[in-house]
Amino acid sequence: MKADHFAALLESTHQALEHAQGKRELRTTTLPRPPQAMGPEEVRMLRERVNASQAVFAHFLNVSTKLVQAWESDRRRPEGAALRLLELGAANPRIVFRGLPVHTVEKPVHAKRPRAAAAGDASKKVAAKRRSSKRGA
């Protein structure tokens, strides 16, 4: 065994002995408990509580709309950081759901012809083709 490894091992042994004799206090860290699992109904109720659509809710949580839909239809369960954020949002929605700006995207409006007119135009074209093919035959 190398001298530096032996010295480190000996020092650790001395520290353990001091702790056992009450001469040394070890540093302890208290970790928060893992978040409780959240079911589809709880996710939906939280989303409705903050009056958000699935898309806006997903934006606030930085997840996809499809994932929020999967949570609410019980195809998937929230986990990891998203579950912790949902837990924080349930405890204090103003922190999680009110602090981020919501970006609105305007969609261009296209003029549409009524379906009946479009269908009529198509049938006129078919009839004209038939007439022209009969003349050529």
C-alpha atoms as a PDB file:
ATOM      1  CA  MET A   1       0.000   0.000   0.000  1.00  0.00           C
ATOM      2  CA  LYS A   2       1.339   3.431  -0.915  1.00  0.00           C
ATOM      3  CA  ALA A   3       2.125   5.828   1.903  1.00  0.00           C
ATOM      4  CA  ASP A   4      -0.445   8.451   0.827  1.00  0.00           C
ATOM      5  CA  HIS A   5      -3.245   5.848   0.671  1.00  0.00           C
ATOM      6  CA  PHE A   6      -2.266   4.549   4.101  1.00  0.00           C
ATOM      7  CA  ALA A   7      -2.236   8.097   5.528  1.00  0.00           C
ATOM      8  CA  ALA A   8      -5.740   8.793   4.162  1.00  0.00           C
ATOM      9  CA  LEU A   9      -7.030   5.494   5.560  1.00  0.00           C
ATOM     10  CA  LEU A  10      -5.464   6.174   8.960  1.00  0.00           C
ATOM     11  CA  GLU A  11      -6.983   9.686   9.051  1.00  0.00           C
ATOM     12  CA  SER A  12     -10.437   8.269   8.227  1.00  0.00           C
ATOM     13  CA  THR A  13     -10.061   5.722  11.019  1.00  0.00           C
ATOM     14  CA  HIS A  14      -9.177   8.471  13.506  1.00  0.00           C
ATOM     15  CA  GLN A  15     -12.216  10.510  12.406  1.00  0.00           C
ATOM     16  CA  ALA A  16     -14.512   7.491  12.815  1.00  0.00           C
ATOM     17  CA  LEU A  17     -13.117   6.841  16.293  1.00  0.00           C
ATOM     18  CA  GLU A  18     -13.614  10.506  17.304  1.00  0.00           C
ATOM     19  CA  HIS A  19     -17.214  10.328  16.094  1.00  0.00           C
ATOM     20  CA  ALA A  20     -17.854   7.090  18.012  1.00  0.00           C
ATOM     21  CA  GLN A  21     -16.483   8.727  21.171  1.00  0.00           C
ATOM     22  CA  GLY A  22     -18.745  11.768  20.690  1.00  0.00           C
ATOM     23  CA  LYS A  23     -15.813  14.098  19.997  1.00  0.00           C
ATOM     24  CA  ARG A  24     -16.780  14.788  16.414  1.00  0.00           C
ATOM     25  CA  GLU A  25     -20.122  15.614  14.826  1.00  0.00           C
ATOM     26  CA  LEU A  26     -20.688  14.566  11.248  1.00  0.00           C
ATOM     27  CA  ARG A  27     -22.423  16.860   8.823  1.00  0.00           C
ATOM     28  CA  THR A  28     -25.873  15.633   7.874  1.00  0.00           C
ATOM     29  CA  THR A  29     -28.082  16.741   5.038  1.00  0.00           C
ATOM     30  CA  THR A  30     -31.840  16.395   5.093  1.00  0.00           C
ATOM     31  CA  LEU A  31     -33.287  15.776   1.652  1.00  0.00           C
ATOM     32  CA  PRO A  32     -36.884  16.527   0.698  1.00  0.00           C
ATOM     33  CA  ARG A  33     -39.178  13.563   0.289  1.00  0.00           C
ATOM     34  CA  PRO A  34     -39.819  12.366  -3.270  1.00  0.00           C
ATOM     35  CA  PRO A  35     -42.979  13.856  -4.778  1.00  0.00           C
ATOM     36  CA  GLN A  36     -46.222  11.871  -4.511  1.00  0.00           C
ATOM     37  CA  ALA A  37     -47.367  10.233  -7.745  1.00  0.00           C
ATOM     38  CA  MET A  38     -49.982  12.284  -9.577  1.00  0.00           C
ATOM     39  CA  GLY A  39     -52.856  10.662 -11.451  1.00  0.00           C
ATOM     40  CA  PRO A  40     -54.636  11.898 -14.570  1.00  0.00           C
ATOM     41  CA  GLU A  41     -57.502  13.482 -12.649  1.00  0.00           C
ATOM     42  CA  GLU A  42     -55.106  15.448 -10.416  1.00  0.00           C
ATOM     43  CA  VAL A  43     -53.195  16.783 -13.431  1.00  0.00           C
ATOM     44  CA  ARG A  44     -56.424  17.818 -15.175  1.00  0.00           C
ATOM     45  CA  MET A  45     -57.798  19.454 -12.016  1.00  0.00           C
ATOM     46  CA  LEU A  46     -54.569  21.434 -11.527  1.00  0.00           C
ATOM     47  CA  ARG A  47     -54.634  22.568 -15.160  1.00  0.00           C
ATOM     48  CA  GLU A  48     -58.262  23.658 -14.839  1.00  0.00           C
ATOM     49  CA  ARG A  49     -57.494  25.369 -11.516  1.00  0.00           C
ATOM     50  CA  VAL A  50     -54.980  27.622 -13.226  1.00  0.00           C
ATOM     51  CA  ASN A  51     -57.421  28.082 -16.126  1.00  0.00           C
ATOM     52  CA  ALA A  52     -54.985  26.914 -18.804  1.00  0.00           C
ATOM     53  CA  SER A  53     -55.427  24.946 -21.984  1.00  0.00           C
ATOM     54  CA  GLN A  54     -53.306  21.838 -22.413  1.00  0.00           C
ATOM     55  CA  ALA A  55     -50.962  23.767 -24.720  1.00  0.00           C
ATOM     56  CA  VAL A  56     -50.477  26.669 -22.287  1.00  0.00           C
ATOM     57  CA  PHE A  57     -50.069  24.281 -19.349  1.00  0.00           C
ATOM     58  CA  ALA A  58     -47.421  22.356 -21.313  1.00  0.00           C
ATOM     59  CA  HIS A  59     -45.633  25.619 -22.117  1.00  0.00           C
ATOM     60  CA  PHE A  60     -45.419  26.576 -18.437  1.00  0.00           C
ATOM     61  CA  LEU A  61     -44.002  23.147 -17.547  1.00  0.00           C
ATOM     62  CA  ASN A  62     -41.659  23.126 -20.565  1.00  0.00           C
ATOM     63  CA  VAL A  63     -43.080  19.835 -21.855  1.00  0.00           C
ATOM     64  CA  SER A  64     -44.999  18.968 -25.021  1.00  0.00           C
ATOM     65  CA  THR A  65     -48.753  19.248 -25.338  1.00  0.00           C
ATOM     66  CA  LYS A  66     -48.799  15.550 -26.279  1.00  0.00           C
ATOM     67  CA  LEU A  67     -47.202  14.715 -22.915  1.00  0.00           C
ATOM     68  CA  VAL A  68     -49.862  16.674 -21.003  1.00  0.00           C
ATOM     69  CA  GLN A  69     -52.527  14.843 -23.035  1.00  0.00           C
ATOM     70  CA  ALA A  70     -50.876  11.509 -22.185  1.00  0.00           C
ATOM     71  CA  TRP A  71     -50.861  12.417 -18.466  1.00  0.00           C
ATOM     72  CA  GLU A  72     -54.535  13.347 -18.530  1.00  0.00           C
ATOM     73  CA  SER A  73     -55.564  10.210 -20.437  1.00  0.00           C
ATOM     74  CA  ASP A  74     -53.534   7.944 -18.111  1.00  0.00           C
ATOM     75  CA  ARG A  75     -51.249   6.707 -20.892  1.00  0.00           C
ATOM     76  CA  ARG A  76     -48.253   8.098 -18.977  1.00  0.00           C
ATOM     77  CA  ARG A  77     -47.568   9.386 -15.471  1.00  0.00           C
ATOM     78  CA  PRO A  78     -45.633  12.540 -14.606  1.00  0.00           C
ATOM     79  CA  GLU A  79     -42.154  11.755 -13.306  1.00  0.00           C
ATOM     80  CA  GLY A  80     -38.866  13.375 -12.374  1.00  0.00           C
ATOM     81  CA  ALA A  81     -38.558  17.143 -12.608  1.00  0.00           C
ATOM     82  CA  ALA A  82     -42.010  17.525 -14.184  1.00  0.00           C
ATOM     83  CA  LEU A  83     -43.614  15.734 -11.232  1.00  0.00           C
ATOM     84  CA  ARG A  84     -41.741  17.978  -8.769  1.00  0.00           C
ATOM     85  CA  LEU A  85     -42.845  21.072 -10.715  1.00  0.00           C
ATOM     86  CA  LEU A  86     -46.463  19.861 -10.713  1.00  0.00           C
ATOM     87  CA  GLU A  87     -46.230  19.324  -6.948  1.00  0.00           C
ATOM     88  CA  LEU A  88     -44.903  22.872  -6.483  1.00  0.00           C
ATOM     89  CA  GLY A  89     -47.593  24.212  -8.815  1.00  0.00           C
ATOM     90  CA  ALA A  90     -50.317  22.462  -6.828  1.00  0.00           C
ATOM     91  CA  ALA A  91     -48.974  23.928  -3.571  1.00  0.00           C
ATOM     92  CA  ASN A  92     -48.508  27.452  -4.923  1.00  0.00           C
ATOM     93  CA  PRO A  93     -49.779  27.990  -8.472  1.00  0.00           C
ATOM     94  CA  ARG A  94     -48.808  31.678  -8.500  1.00  0.00           C
ATOM     95  CA  ILE A  95     -45.128  30.775  -8.434  1.00  0.00           C
ATOM     96  CA  VAL A  96     -45.186  28.166 -11.190  1.00  0.00           C
ATOM     97  CA  PHE A  97     -48.003  29.296 -13.474  1.00  0.00           C
ATOM     98  CA  ARG A  98     -48.034  33.082 -13.155  1.00  0.00           C
ATOM     99  CA  GLY A  99     -44.359  33.943 -13.496  1.00  0.00           C
ATOM    100  CA  LEU A 100     -43.833  33.031 -17.136  1.00  0.00           C
ATOM    101  CA  PRO A 101     -45.068  35.053 -20.094  1.00  0.00           C
ATOM    102  CA  VAL A 102     -47.446  33.324 -22.455  1.00  0.00           C
ATOM    103  CA  HIS A 103     -46.572  33.885 -26.075  1.00  0.00           C
ATOM    104  CA  THR A 104     -49.488  34.032 -28.466  1.00  0.00           C
ATOM    105  CA  VAL A 105     -48.973  33.079 -32.072  1.00  0.00           C
ATOM    106  CA  GLU A 106     -51.339  34.587 -34.578  1.00  0.00           C
ATOM    107  CA  LYS A 107     -52.338  32.265 -37.380  1.00  0.00           C
ATOM    108  CA  PRO A 108     -52.954  33.754 -40.820  1.00  0.00           C
ATOM    109  CA  VAL A 109     -56.580  33.725 -41.858  1.00  0.00           C
ATOM    110  CA  HIS A 110     -57.133  32.295 -45.334  1.00  0.00           C
ATOM    111  CA  ALA A 111     -60.265  33.039 -47.285  1.00  0.00           C
ATOM    112  CA  LYS A 112     -62.091  29.799 -47.918  1.00  0.00           C
ATOM    113  CA  ARG A 113     -64.703  29.072 -50.508  1.00  0.00           C
ATOM    114  CA  PRO A 114     -67.836  27.414 -49.244  1.00  0.00           C
ATOM    115  CA  ARG A 115     -67.698  23.637 -49.710  1.00  0.00           C
ATOM    116  CA  ALA A 116     -70.820  23.520 -51.830  1.00  0.00           C
ATOM    117  CA  ALA A 117     -69.321  25.927 -54.359  1.00  0.00           C
ATOM    118  CA  ALA A 118     -66.035  24.043 -54.432  1.00  0.00           C
ATOM    119  CA  ALA A 119     -67.848  20.742 -54.948  1.00  0.00           C
ATOM    120  CA  GLY A 120     -69.960  22.313 -57.698  1.00  0.00           C
ATOM    121  CA  ASP A 121     -66.849  23.582 -59.479  1.00  0.00           C
ATOM    122  CA  ALA A 122     -65.284  20.121 -59.358  1.00  0.00           C
ATOM    123  CA  SER A 123     -68.392  18.461 -60.771  1.00  0.00           C
ATOM    124  CA  LYS A 124     -68.500  21.061 -63.589  1.00  0.00           C
ATOM    125  CA  LYS A 125     -64.885  20.218 -64.479  1.00  0.00           C
ATOM    126  CA  VAL A 126     -65.659  16.486 -64.560  1.00  0.00           C
ATOM    127  CA  ALA A 127     -68.720  17.081 -66.747  1.00  0.00           C
ATOM    128  CA  ALA A 128     -66.684  19.271 -69.119  1.00  0.00           C
ATOM    129  CA  LYS A 129     -64.016  16.554 -69.400  1.00  0.00           C
ATOM    130  CA  ARG A 130     -66.652  13.952 -70.221  1.00  0.00           C
ATOM    131  CA  ARG A 131     -68.144  16.158 -72.930  1.00  0.00           C
ATOM    132  CA  SER A 132     -64.744  16.798 -74.477  1.00  0.00           C
ATOM    133  CA  SER A 133     -63.828  13.099 -74.413  1.00  0.00           C
ATOM    134  CA  LYS A 134     -67.158  12.168 -76.072  1.00  0.00           C
ATOM    135  CA  ARG A 135     -66.548  14.705 -78.836  1.00  0.00           C
ATOM    136  CA  GLY A 136     -63.084  13.329 -79.484  1.00  0.00           C
ATOM    137  CA  ALA A 137     -64.349   9.742 -79.707  1.00  0.00           C
END
